Amino acid sequence: MTTCPDISMLLFSPPGKVAINKIRQIQRTSKLLSTILGVSPLLEIFVGNGALGGAYNISKKDWGTWANAMRVAPNVKSRRIEDVARRYLVDNLSLRGKEQTFWIAVAHGCR
């Protein structure tokens, strides 16, 4: 992650506001995905199964794959946000000042 610049008093252009809303949607979707990933093993193991079925499902669950999915989800979110920032910069080459500084920082991993 890069050092984040001071962008106090930054006013976004209308296209910048659209890009910010895309980033917010990515954040909401990512949060929902993480919640679903976190709860899904519990539902898979215990919903509709008795204690014996639950114990069997726990022993057969691929916990390594599940843990990897939980670990990778934040990286996917970060890459998608950086992609929005890069696309915004390419589509708005005339940007200058604090808005340009903001998008460059986001494209390089500033959160």
PDB file of N, CA and C in Angstrom:
ATOM      1  N   MET A   1       0.850  -1.170   0.000  1.00  0.00           N
ATOM      2  CA  MET A   1       0.000   0.000   0.000  1.00  0.00           C
ATOM      3  C   MET A   1       0.894   1.230   0.000  1.00  0.00           C
ATOM      4  N   THR A   2       0.475   2.210  -0.712  1.00  0.00           N
ATOM      5  CA  THR A   2       1.240   3.442  -0.858  1.00  0.00           C
ATOM      6  C   THR A   2       0.850   4.456   0.223  1.00  0.00           C
ATOM      7  N   THR A   3       1.723   5.426   0.458  1.00  0.00           N
ATOM      8  CA  THR A   3       1.402   6.496   1.393  1.00  0.00           C
ATOM      9  C   THR A   3       0.305   7.358   0.789  1.00  0.00           C
ATOM     10  N   CYS A   4      -0.695   7.639   1.573  1.00  0.00           N
ATOM     11  CA  CYS A   4      -1.845   8.388   1.071  1.00  0.00           C
ATOM     12  C   CYS A   4      -1.608   9.887   1.215  1.00  0.00           C
ATOM     13  N   PRO A   5      -1.848  10.650   0.135  1.00  0.00           N
ATOM     14  CA  PRO A   5      -1.633  12.095   0.178  1.00  0.00           C
ATOM     15  C   PRO A   5      -2.768  12.807   0.908  1.00  0.00           C
ATOM     16  N   ASP A   6      -2.494  14.037   1.283  1.00  0.00           N
ATOM     17  CA  ASP A   6      -3.526  14.886   1.890  1.00  0.00           C
ATOM     18  C   ASP A   6      -4.441  15.383   0.778  1.00  0.00           C
ATOM     19  N   ILE A   7      -5.707  15.031   0.883  1.00  0.00           N
ATOM     20  CA  ILE A   7      -6.670  15.470  -0.128  1.00  0.00           C
ATOM     21  C   ILE A   7      -7.822  16.221   0.528  1.00  0.00           C
ATOM     22  N   SER A   8      -7.517  16.911   1.616  1.00  0.00           N
ATOM     23  CA  SER A   8      -8.567  17.664   2.292  1.00  0.00           C
ATOM     24  C   SER A   8      -9.135  18.710   1.349  1.00  0.00           C
ATOM     25  N   MET A   9     -10.407  18.937   1.485  1.00  0.00           N
ATOM     26  CA  MET A   9     -11.132  19.916   0.686  1.00  0.00           C
ATOM     27  C   MET A   9     -11.244  19.515  -0.795  1.00  0.00           C
ATOM     28  N   LEU A  10     -11.097  18.224  -1.075  1.00  0.00           N
ATOM     29  CA  LEU A  10     -11.225  17.739  -2.449  1.00  0.00           C
ATOM     30  C   LEU A  10     -12.693  17.717  -2.853  1.00  0.00           C
ATOM     31  N   LEU A  11     -12.981  18.301  -3.994  1.00  0.00           N
ATOM     32  CA  LEU A  11     -14.324  18.252  -4.566  1.00  0.00           C
ATOM     33  C   LEU A  11     -14.238  17.425  -5.840  1.00  0.00           C
ATOM     34  N   PHE A  12     -15.044  16.365  -5.917  1.00  0.00           N
ATOM     35  CA  PHE A  12     -15.017  15.493  -7.081  1.00  0.00           C
ATOM     36  C   PHE A  12     -15.859  16.060  -8.214  1.00  0.00           C
ATOM     37  N   SER A  13     -15.393  15.812  -9.415  1.00  0.00           N
ATOM     38  CA  SER A  13     -16.162  16.141 -10.612  1.00  0.00           C
ATOM     39  C   SER A  13     -17.322  15.153 -10.716  1.00  0.00           C
ATOM     40  N   PRO A  14     -18.329  15.454 -11.533  1.00  0.00           N
ATOM     41  CA  PRO A  14     -19.429  14.484 -11.689  1.00  0.00           C
ATOM     42  C   PRO A  14     -18.968  13.083 -12.103  1.00  0.00           C
ATOM     43  N   PRO A  15     -18.025  12.940 -13.066  1.00  0.00           N
ATOM     44  CA  PRO A  15     -17.558  11.581 -13.367  1.00  0.00           C
ATOM     45  C   PRO A  15     -16.810  10.948 -12.186  1.00  0.00           C
ATOM     46  N   GLY A  16     -16.134  11.782 -11.407  1.00  0.00           N
ATOM     47  CA  GLY A  16     -15.447  11.277 -10.217  1.00  0.00           C
ATOM     48  C   GLY A  16     -16.426  10.727  -9.206  1.00  0.00           C
ATOM     49  N   LYS A  17     -17.564  11.379  -9.064  1.00  0.00           N
ATOM     50  CA  LYS A  17     -18.604  10.894  -8.140  1.00  0.00           C
ATOM     51  C   LYS A  17     -19.159   9.556  -8.602  1.00  0.00           C
ATOM     52  N   VAL A  18     -19.283   9.380  -9.915  1.00  0.00           N
ATOM     53  CA  VAL A  18     -19.743   8.088 -10.451  1.00  0.00           C
ATOM     54  C   VAL A  18     -18.731   7.000 -10.101  1.00  0.00           C
ATOM     55  N   ALA A  19     -17.455   7.291 -10.268  1.00  0.00           N
ATOM     56  CA  ALA A  19     -16.408   6.315  -9.939  1.00  0.00           C
ATOM     57  C   ALA A  19     -16.394   6.002  -8.443  1.00  0.00           C
ATOM     58  N   ILE A  20     -16.596   7.012  -7.616  1.00  0.00           N
ATOM     59  CA  ILE A  20     -16.666   6.791  -6.166  1.00  0.00           C
ATOM     60  C   ILE A  20     -17.828   5.866  -5.838  1.00  0.00           C
ATOM     61  N   ASN A  21     -18.963   6.057  -6.497  1.00  0.00           N
ATOM     62  CA  ASN A  21     -20.110   5.170  -6.265  1.00  0.00           C
ATOM     63  C   ASN A  21     -19.817   3.741  -6.702  1.00  0.00           C
ATOM     64  N   LYS A  22     -19.045   3.563  -7.777  1.00  0.00           N
ATOM     65  CA  LYS A  22     -18.632   2.218  -8.200  1.00  0.00           C
ATOM     66  C   LYS A  22     -17.775   1.573  -7.111  1.00  0.00           C
ATOM     67  N   ILE A  23     -16.881   2.353  -6.536  1.00  0.00           N
ATOM     68  CA  ILE A  23     -16.017   1.835  -5.468  1.00  0.00           C
ATOM     69  C   ILE A  23     -16.854   1.452  -4.245  1.00  0.00           C
ATOM     70  N   ARG A  24     -17.820   2.281  -3.906  1.00  0.00           N
ATOM     71  CA  ARG A  24     -18.700   1.965  -2.769  1.00  0.00           C
ATOM     72  C   ARG A  24     -19.473   0.672  -3.032  1.00  0.00           C
ATOM     73  N   GLN A  25     -19.918   0.471  -4.273  1.00  0.00           N
ATOM     74  CA  GLN A  25     -20.633  -0.758  -4.626  1.00  0.00           C
ATOM     75  C   GLN A  25     -19.709  -1.976  -4.496  1.00  0.00           C
ATOM     76  N   ILE A  26     -18.469  -1.825  -4.912  1.00  0.00           N
ATOM     77  CA  ILE A  26     -17.483  -2.905  -4.766  1.00  0.00           C
ATOM     78  C   ILE A  26     -17.297  -3.228  -3.288  1.00  0.00           C
ATOM     79  N   GLN A  27     -17.214  -2.201  -2.453  1.00  0.00           N
ATOM     80  CA  GLN A  27     -17.032  -2.423  -1.018  1.00  0.00           C
ATOM     81  C   GLN A  27     -18.236  -3.140  -0.412  1.00  0.00           C
ATOM     82  N   ARG A  28     -19.445  -2.729  -0.796  1.00  0.00           N
ATOM     83  CA  ARG A  28     -20.657  -3.389  -0.276  1.00  0.00           C
ATOM     84  C   ARG A  28     -20.723  -4.843  -0.732  1.00  0.00           C
ATOM     85  N   THR A  29     -20.442  -5.079  -2.002  1.00  0.00           N
ATOM     86  CA  THR A  29     -20.478  -6.435  -2.544  1.00  0.00           C
ATOM     87  C   THR A  29     -19.433  -7.312  -1.867  1.00  0.00           C
ATOM     88  N   SER A  30     -18.258  -6.757  -1.646  1.00  0.00           N
ATOM     89  CA  SER A  30     -17.189  -7.507  -0.991  1.00  0.00           C
ATOM     90  C   SER A  30     -17.562  -7.877   0.443  1.00  0.00           C
ATOM     91  N   LYS A  31     -18.189  -6.937   1.133  1.00  0.00           N
ATOM     92  CA  LYS A  31     -18.624  -7.208   2.507  1.00  0.00           C
ATOM     93  C   LYS A  31     -19.669  -8.317   2.525  1.00  0.00           C
ATOM     94  N   LEU A  32     -20.603  -8.277   1.585  1.00  0.00           N
ATOM     95  CA  LEU A  32     -21.623  -9.321   1.478  1.00  0.00           C
ATOM     96  C   LEU A  32     -20.988 -10.666   1.159  1.00  0.00           C
ATOM     97  N   LEU A  33     -20.040 -10.678   0.223  1.00  0.00           N
ATOM     98  CA  LEU A  33     -19.344 -11.912  -0.128  1.00  0.00           C
ATOM     99  C   LEU A  33     -18.624 -12.500   1.080  1.00  0.00           C
ATOM    100  N   SER A  34     -17.941 -11.668   1.833  1.00  0.00           N
ATOM    101  CA  SER A  34     -17.222 -12.151   3.027  1.00  0.00           C
ATOM    102  C   SER A  34     -18.194 -12.734   4.052  1.00  0.00           C
ATOM    103  N   THR A  35     -19.340 -12.103   4.210  1.00  0.00           N
ATOM    104  CA  THR A  35     -20.353 -12.620   5.142  1.00  0.00           C
ATOM    105  C   THR A  35     -20.865 -13.976   4.676  1.00  0.00           C
ATOM    106  N   ILE A  36     -21.179 -14.070   3.406  1.00  0.00           N
ATOM    107  CA  ILE A  36     -21.679 -15.336   2.861  1.00  0.00           C
ATOM    108  C   ILE A  36     -20.624 -16.430   2.972  1.00  0.00           C
ATOM    109  N   LEU A  37     -19.376 -16.094   2.627  1.00  0.00           N
ATOM    110  CA  LEU A  37     -18.300 -17.076   2.754  1.00  0.00           C
ATOM    111  C   LEU A  37     -18.121 -17.527   4.201  1.00  0.00           C
ATOM    112  N   GLY A  38     -18.251 -16.587   5.125  1.00  0.00           N
ATOM    113  CA  GLY A  38     -18.065 -16.919   6.540  1.00  0.00           C
ATOM    114  C   GLY A  38     -19.146 -17.814   7.091  1.00  0.00           C
ATOM    115  N   VAL A  39     -20.368 -17.618   6.648  1.00  0.00           N
ATOM    116  CA  VAL A  39     -21.511 -18.369   7.184  1.00  0.00           C
ATOM    117  C   VAL A  39     -21.758 -19.667   6.427  1.00  0.00           C
ATOM    118  N   SER A  40     -21.358 -19.737   5.177  1.00  0.00           N
ATOM    119  CA  SER A  40     -21.713 -20.891   4.344  1.00  0.00           C
ATOM    120  C   SER A  40     -21.287 -22.248   4.910  1.00  0.00           C
ATOM    121  N   PRO A  41     -20.095 -22.397   5.497  1.00  0.00           N
ATOM    122  CA  PRO A  41     -19.765 -23.716   6.042  1.00  0.00           C
ATOM    123  C   PRO A  41     -20.693 -24.128   7.182  1.00  0.00           C
ATOM    124  N   LEU A  42     -21.074 -23.162   8.003  1.00  0.00           N
ATOM    125  CA  LEU A  42     -21.968 -23.487   9.119  1.00  0.00           C
ATOM    126  C   LEU A  42     -23.324 -23.952   8.607  1.00  0.00           C
ATOM    127  N   LEU A  43     -23.828 -23.242   7.607  1.00  0.00           N
ATOM    128  CA  LEU A  43     -25.113 -23.643   7.025  1.00  0.00           C
ATOM    129  C   LEU A  43     -25.004 -25.017   6.370  1.00  0.00           C
ATOM    130  N   GLU A  44     -23.931 -25.218   5.628  1.00  0.00           N
ATOM    131  CA  GLU A  44     -23.720 -26.492   4.933  1.00  0.00           C
ATOM    132  C   GLU A  44     -23.619 -27.654   5.925  1.00  0.00           C
ATOM    133  N   ILE A  45     -22.971 -27.418   7.044  1.00  0.00           N
ATOM    134  CA  ILE A  45     -22.740 -28.489   8.015  1.00  0.00           C
ATOM    135  C   ILE A  45     -23.982 -28.768   8.843  1.00  0.00           C
ATOM    136  N   PHE A  46     -24.634 -27.731   9.337  1.00  0.00           N
ATOM    137  CA  PHE A  46     -25.657 -27.948  10.355  1.00  0.00           C
ATOM    138  C   PHE A  46     -27.106 -27.836   9.888  1.00  0.00           C
ATOM    139  N   VAL A  47     -27.393 -27.078   8.863  1.00  0.00           N
ATOM    140  CA  VAL A  47     -28.780 -26.905   8.449  1.00  0.00           C
ATOM    141  C   VAL A  47     -29.263 -28.188   7.772  1.00  0.00           C
ATOM    142  N   GLY A  48     -30.346 -28.741   8.314  1.00  0.00           N
ATOM    143  CA  GLY A  48     -30.936 -29.938   7.744  1.00  0.00           C
ATOM    144  C   GLY A  48     -30.262 -31.234   8.146  1.00  0.00           C
ATOM    145  N   ASN A  49     -29.265 -31.158   8.987  1.00  0.00           N
ATOM    146  CA  ASN A  49     -28.570 -32.367   9.443  1.00  0.00           C
ATOM    147  C   ASN A  49     -28.735 -32.520  10.946  1.00  0.00           C
ATOM    148  N   GLY A  50     -28.763 -33.731  11.372  1.00  0.00           N
ATOM    149  CA  GLY A  50     -28.732 -34.001  12.804  1.00  0.00           C
ATOM    150  C   GLY A  50     -27.304 -33.890  13.300  1.00  0.00           C
ATOM    151  N   ALA A  51     -27.085 -34.199  14.555  1.00  0.00           N
ATOM    152  CA  ALA A  51     -25.744 -34.119  15.146  1.00  0.00           C
ATOM    153  C   ALA A  51     -24.778 -35.058  14.435  1.00  0.00           C
ATOM    154  N   LEU A  52     -25.215 -36.244  14.102  1.00  0.00           N
ATOM    155  CA  LEU A  52     -24.354 -37.215  13.428  1.00  0.00           C
ATOM    156  C   LEU A  52     -23.975 -36.722  12.024  1.00  0.00           C
ATOM    157  N   GLY A  53     -24.954 -36.215  11.297  1.00  0.00           N
ATOM    158  CA  GLY A  53     -24.678 -35.676   9.969  1.00  0.00           C
ATOM    159  C   GLY A  53     -23.753 -34.476  10.034  1.00  0.00           C
ATOM    160  N   GLY A  54     -23.939 -33.632  11.039  1.00  0.00           N
ATOM    161  CA  GLY A  54     -23.075 -32.470  11.215  1.00  0.00           C
ATOM    162  C   GLY A  54     -21.641 -32.869  11.486  1.00  0.00           C
ATOM    163  N   ALA A  55     -21.446 -33.859  12.319  1.00  0.00           N
ATOM    164  CA  ALA A  55     -20.098 -34.338  12.640  1.00  0.00           C
ATOM    165  C   ALA A  55     -19.425 -34.906  11.393  1.00  0.00           C
ATOM    166  N   TYR A  56     -20.187 -35.627  10.596  1.00  0.00           N
ATOM    167  CA  TYR A  56     -19.643 -36.181   9.348  1.00  0.00           C
ATOM    168  C   TYR A  56     -19.254 -35.044   8.390  1.00  0.00           C
ATOM    169  N   ASN A  57     -20.123 -34.051   8.246  1.00  0.00           N
ATOM    170  CA  ASN A  57     -19.843 -32.928   7.346  1.00  0.00           C
ATOM    171  C   ASN A  57     -18.623 -32.130   7.781  1.00  0.00           C
ATOM    172  N   ILE A  58     -18.443 -31.966   9.090  1.00  0.00           N
ATOM    173  CA  ILE A  58     -17.265 -31.246   9.596  1.00  0.00           C
ATOM    174  C   ILE A  58     -15.990 -31.972   9.177  1.00  0.00           C
ATOM    175  N   SER A  59     -16.004 -33.299   9.293  1.00  0.00           N
ATOM    176  CA  SER A  59     -14.803 -34.062   8.963  1.00  0.00           C
ATOM    177  C   SER A  59     -14.522 -34.076   7.466  1.00  0.00           C
ATOM    178  N   LYS A  60     -15.532 -33.887   6.635  1.00  0.00           N
ATOM    179  CA  LYS A  60     -15.361 -33.944   5.178  1.00  0.00           C
ATOM    180  C   LYS A  60     -15.185 -32.573   4.529  1.00  0.00           C
ATOM    181  N   LYS A  61     -15.349 -31.522   5.293  1.00  0.00           N
ATOM    182  CA  LYS A  61     -15.260 -30.162   4.749  1.00  0.00           C
ATOM    183  C   LYS A  61     -13.817 -29.851   4.353  1.00  0.00           C
ATOM    184  N   ASP A  62     -13.639 -29.231   3.197  1.00  0.00           N
ATOM    185  CA  ASP A  62     -12.310 -28.818   2.746  1.00  0.00           C
ATOM    186  C   ASP A  62     -12.003 -27.445   3.351  1.00  0.00           C
ATOM    187  N   TRP A  63     -11.503 -27.456   4.569  1.00  0.00           N
ATOM    188  CA  TRP A  63     -11.267 -26.224   5.311  1.00  0.00           C
ATOM    189  C   TRP A  63     -10.147 -25.381   4.703  1.00  0.00           C
ATOM    190  N   GLY A  64      -9.188 -26.031   4.055  1.00  0.00           N
ATOM    191  CA  GLY A  64      -8.094 -25.282   3.430  1.00  0.00           C
ATOM    192  C   GLY A  64      -8.593 -24.398   2.298  1.00  0.00           C
ATOM    193  N   THR A  65      -9.472 -24.950   1.460  1.00  0.00           N
ATOM    194  CA  THR A  65     -10.041 -24.175   0.359  1.00  0.00           C
ATOM    195  C   THR A  65     -10.890 -23.033   0.890  1.00  0.00           C
ATOM    196  N   TRP A  66     -11.666 -23.308   1.919  1.00  0.00           N
ATOM    197  CA  TRP A  66     -12.504 -22.273   2.519  1.00  0.00           C
ATOM    198  C   TRP A  66     -11.643 -21.147   3.095  1.00  0.00           C
ATOM    199  N   ALA A  67     -10.585 -21.524   3.823  1.00  0.00           N
ATOM    200  CA  ALA A  67      -9.696 -20.521   4.421  1.00  0.00           C
ATOM    201  C   ALA A  67      -9.023 -19.685   3.329  1.00  0.00           C
ATOM    202  N   ASN A  68      -8.642 -20.331   2.233  1.00  0.00           N
ATOM    203  CA  ASN A  68      -8.015 -19.600   1.131  1.00  0.00           C
ATOM    204  C   ASN A  68      -8.991 -18.602   0.515  1.00  0.00           C
ATOM    205  N   ALA A  69     -10.241 -19.008   0.344  1.00  0.00           N
ATOM    206  CA  ALA A  69     -11.252 -18.095  -0.199  1.00  0.00           C
ATOM    207  C   ALA A  69     -11.444 -16.897   0.727  1.00  0.00           C
ATOM    208  N   MET A  70     -11.459 -17.135   2.025  1.00  0.00           N
ATOM    209  CA  MET A  70     -11.609 -16.033   2.985  1.00  0.00           C
ATOM    210  C   MET A  70     -10.404 -15.091   2.931  1.00  0.00           C
ATOM    211  N   ARG A  71      -9.229 -15.660   2.715  1.00  0.00           N
ATOM    212  CA  ARG A  71      -8.000 -14.872   2.685  1.00  0.00           C
ATOM    213  C   ARG A  71      -7.895 -14.040   1.395  1.00  0.00           C
ATOM    214  N   VAL A  72      -8.394 -14.570   0.281  1.00  0.00           N
ATOM    215  CA  VAL A  72      -8.247 -13.932  -1.021  1.00  0.00           C
ATOM    216  C   VAL A  72      -9.287 -12.833  -1.254  1.00  0.00           C
ATOM    217  N   ALA A  73     -10.443 -12.934  -0.635  1.00  0.00           N
ATOM    218  CA  ALA A  73     -11.534 -11.980  -0.890  1.00  0.00           C
ATOM    219  C   ALA A  73     -11.111 -10.512  -0.752  1.00  0.00           C
ATOM    220  N   PRO A  74     -10.375 -10.117   0.290  1.00  0.00           N
ATOM    221  CA  PRO A  74      -9.959  -8.703   0.382  1.00  0.00           C
ATOM    222  C   PRO A  74      -9.029  -8.279  -0.754  1.00  0.00           C
ATOM    223  N   ASN A  75      -8.198  -9.207  -1.246  1.00  0.00           N
ATOM    224  CA  ASN A  75      -7.300  -8.884  -2.354  1.00  0.00           C
ATOM    225  C   ASN A  75      -8.079  -8.626  -3.638  1.00  0.00           C
ATOM    226  N   VAL A  76      -9.131  -9.399  -3.851  1.00  0.00           N
ATOM    227  CA  VAL A  76      -9.980  -9.204  -5.022  1.00  0.00           C
ATOM    228  C   VAL A  76     -10.626  -7.826  -4.956  1.00  0.00           C
ATOM    229  N   LYS A  77     -11.117  -7.470  -3.784  1.00  0.00           N
ATOM    230  CA  LYS A  77     -11.733  -6.147  -3.604  1.00  0.00           C
ATOM    231  C   LYS A  77     -10.726  -5.046  -3.915  1.00  0.00           C
ATOM    232  N   SER A  78      -9.531  -5.154  -3.395  1.00  0.00           N
ATOM    233  CA  SER A  78      -8.502  -4.131  -3.619  1.00  0.00           C
ATOM    234  C   SER A  78      -8.177  -3.993  -5.101  1.00  0.00           C
ATOM    235  N   ARG A  79      -8.023  -5.128  -5.787  1.00  0.00           N
ATOM    236  CA  ARG A  79      -7.715  -5.078  -7.215  1.00  0.00           C
ATOM    237  C   ARG A  79      -8.841  -4.432  -8.012  1.00  0.00           C
ATOM    238  N   ARG A  80     -10.065  -4.747  -7.667  1.00  0.00           N
ATOM    239  CA  ARG A  80     -11.200  -4.156  -8.386  1.00  0.00           C
ATOM    240  C   ARG A  80     -11.253  -2.642  -8.175  1.00  0.00           C
ATOM    241  N   ILE A  81     -10.981  -2.185  -6.951  1.00  0.00           N
ATOM    242  CA  ILE A  81     -10.970  -0.740  -6.664  1.00  0.00           C
ATOM    243  C   ILE A  81      -9.842  -0.059  -7.428  1.00  0.00           C
ATOM    244  N   GLU A  82      -8.664  -0.671  -7.445  1.00  0.00           N
ATOM    245  CA  GLU A  82      -7.536  -0.113  -8.188  1.00  0.00           C
ATOM    246  C   GLU A  82      -7.858  -0.052  -9.683  1.00  0.00           C
ATOM    247  N   ASP A  83      -8.553  -1.061 -10.198  1.00  0.00           N
ATOM    248  CA  ASP A  83      -8.950  -1.059 -11.608  1.00  0.00           C
ATOM    249  C   ASP A  83      -9.895   0.094 -11.923  1.00  0.00           C
ATOM    250  N   VAL A  84     -10.834   0.373 -11.031  1.00  0.00           N
ATOM    251  CA  VAL A  84     -11.752   1.510 -11.232  1.00  0.00           C
ATOM    252  C   VAL A  84     -10.940   2.800 -11.305  1.00  0.00           C
ATOM    253  N   ALA A  85      -9.983   2.953 -10.404  1.00  0.00           N
ATOM    254  CA  ALA A  85      -9.169   4.176 -10.382  1.00  0.00           C
ATOM    255  C   ALA A  85      -8.330   4.294 -11.651  1.00  0.00           C
ATOM    256  N   ARG A  86      -7.725   3.196 -12.094  1.00  0.00           N
ATOM    257  CA  ARG A  86      -6.905   3.239 -13.314  1.00  0.00           C
ATOM    258  C   ARG A  86      -7.754   3.589 -14.538  1.00  0.00           C
ATOM    259  N   ARG A  87      -8.923   2.952 -14.641  1.00  0.00           N
ATOM    260  CA  ARG A  87      -9.808   3.247 -15.765  1.00  0.00           C
ATOM    261  C   ARG A  87     -10.250   4.713 -15.739  1.00  0.00           C
ATOM    262  N   TYR A  88     -10.525   5.207 -14.541  1.00  0.00           N
ATOM    263  CA  TYR A  88     -10.938   6.608 -14.409  1.00  0.00           C
ATOM    264  C   TYR A  88      -9.823   7.534 -14.888  1.00  0.00           C
ATOM    265  N   LEU A  89      -8.594   7.233 -14.497  1.00  0.00           N
ATOM    266  CA  LEU A  89      -7.463   8.061 -14.919  1.00  0.00           C
ATOM    267  C   LEU A  89      -7.284   8.034 -16.437  1.00  0.00           C
ATOM    268  N   VAL A  90      -7.417   6.876 -17.043  1.00  0.00           N
ATOM    269  CA  VAL A  90      -7.267   6.754 -18.491  1.00  0.00           C
ATOM    270  C   VAL A  90      -8.391   7.492 -19.219  1.00  0.00           C
ATOM    271  N   ASP A  91      -9.594   7.382 -18.691  1.00  0.00           N
ATOM    272  CA  ASP A  91     -10.747   8.035 -19.325  1.00  0.00           C
ATOM    273  C   ASP A  91     -10.784   9.547 -19.095  1.00  0.00           C
ATOM    274  N   ASN A  92      -9.985  10.028 -18.152  1.00  0.00           N
ATOM    275  CA  ASN A  92     -10.000  11.456 -17.794  1.00  0.00           C
ATOM    276  C   ASN A  92      -8.574  11.989 -17.740  1.00  0.00           C
ATOM    277  N   LEU A  93      -7.893  11.938 -18.871  1.00  0.00           N
ATOM    278  CA  LEU A  93      -6.487  12.346 -18.929  1.00  0.00           C
ATOM    279  C   LEU A  93      -6.268  13.822 -18.626  1.00  0.00           C
ATOM    280  N   SER A  94      -7.317  14.616 -18.694  1.00  0.00           N
ATOM    281  CA  SER A  94      -7.176  16.050 -18.437  1.00  0.00           C
ATOM    282  C   SER A  94      -7.249  16.394 -16.945  1.00  0.00           C
ATOM    283  N   LEU A  95      -7.395  15.396 -16.102  1.00  0.00           N
ATOM    284  CA  LEU A  95      -7.467  15.660 -14.647  1.00  0.00           C
ATOM    285  C   LEU A  95      -6.207  16.356 -14.158  1.00  0.00           C
ATOM    286  N   ARG A  96      -6.382  17.241 -13.210  1.00  0.00           N
ATOM    287  CA  ARG A  96      -5.259  17.935 -12.570  1.00  0.00           C
ATOM    288  C   ARG A  96      -5.596  18.145 -11.103  1.00  0.00           C
ATOM    289  N   GLY A  97      -4.610  18.533 -10.355  1.00  0.00           N
ATOM    290  CA  GLY A  97      -4.816  18.912  -8.959  1.00  0.00           C
ATOM    291  C   GLY A  97      -5.098  17.741  -8.039  1.00  0.00           C
ATOM    292  N   LYS A  98      -5.873  18.037  -6.996  1.00  0.00           N
ATOM    293  CA  LYS A  98      -6.121  17.054  -5.938  1.00  0.00           C
ATOM    294  C   LYS A  98      -6.915  15.847  -6.416  1.00  0.00           C
ATOM    295  N   GLU A  99      -7.816  16.051  -7.364  1.00  0.00           N
ATOM    296  CA  GLU A  99      -8.579  14.903  -7.854  1.00  0.00           C
ATOM    297  C   GLU A  99      -7.653  13.930  -8.588  1.00  0.00           C
ATOM    298  N   GLN A 100      -6.743  14.448  -9.387  1.00  0.00           N
ATOM    299  CA  GLN A 100      -5.779  13.582 -10.055  1.00  0.00           C
ATOM    300  C   GLN A 100      -4.898  12.868  -9.024  1.00  0.00           C
ATOM    301  N   THR A 101      -4.428  13.597  -8.023  1.00  0.00           N
ATOM    302  CA  THR A 101      -3.606  13.015  -6.960  1.00  0.00           C
ATOM    303  C   THR A 101      -4.357  11.893  -6.256  1.00  0.00           C
ATOM    304  N   PHE A 102      -5.642  12.120  -5.975  1.00  0.00           N
ATOM    305  CA  PHE A 102      -6.469  11.113  -5.320  1.00  0.00           C
ATOM    306  C   PHE A 102      -6.537   9.841  -6.153  1.00  0.00           C
ATOM    307  N   TRP A 103      -6.869   9.952  -7.431  1.00  0.00           N
ATOM    308  CA  TRP A 103      -7.046   8.767  -8.272  1.00  0.00           C
ATOM    309  C   TRP A 103      -5.737   8.028  -8.504  1.00  0.00           C
ATOM    310  N   ILE A 104      -4.633   8.753  -8.618  1.00  0.00           N
ATOM    311  CA  ILE A 104      -3.341   8.097  -8.744  1.00  0.00           C
ATOM    312  C   ILE A 104      -3.022   7.312  -7.484  1.00  0.00           C
ATOM    313  N   ALA A 105      -3.291   7.909  -6.324  1.00  0.00           N
ATOM    314  CA  ALA A 105      -3.028   7.230  -5.054  1.00  0.00           C
ATOM    315  C   ALA A 105      -3.891   5.965  -4.920  1.00  0.00           C
ATOM    316  N   VAL A 106      -5.174   6.058  -5.277  1.00  0.00           N
ATOM    317  CA  VAL A 106      -6.057   4.885  -5.195  1.00  0.00           C
ATOM    318  C   VAL A 106      -5.574   3.813  -6.166  1.00  0.00           C
ATOM    319  N   ALA A 107      -5.183   4.215  -7.361  1.00  0.00           N
ATOM    320  CA  ALA A 107      -4.689   3.245  -8.352  1.00  0.00           C
ATOM    321  C   ALA A 107      -3.445   2.519  -7.869  1.00  0.00           C
ATOM    322  N   HIS A 108      -2.694   3.158  -6.970  1.00  0.00           N
ATOM    323  CA  HIS A 108      -1.489   2.549  -6.430  1.00  0.00           C
ATOM    324  C   HIS A 108      -1.695   1.917  -5.051  1.00  0.00           C
ATOM    325  N   GLY A 109      -2.931   1.784  -4.634  1.00  0.00           N
ATOM    326  CA  GLY A 109      -3.211   1.029  -3.404  1.00  0.00           C
ATOM    327  C   GLY A 109      -3.532   1.836  -2.174  1.00  0.00           C
ATOM    328  N   CYS A 110      -3.638   3.137  -2.280  1.00  0.00           N
ATOM    329  CA  CYS A 110      -3.988   3.949  -1.116  1.00  0.00           C
ATOM    330  C   CYS A 110      -5.441   3.720  -0.756  1.00  0.00           C
ATOM    331  N   ARG A 111      -5.739   3.512   0.508  1.00  0.00           N
ATOM    332  CA  ARG A 111      -7.113   3.311   0.972  1.00  0.00           C
ATOM    333  C   ARG A 111      -7.455   4.364   1.985  1.00  0.00           C
TER     334      ARG A 111
END
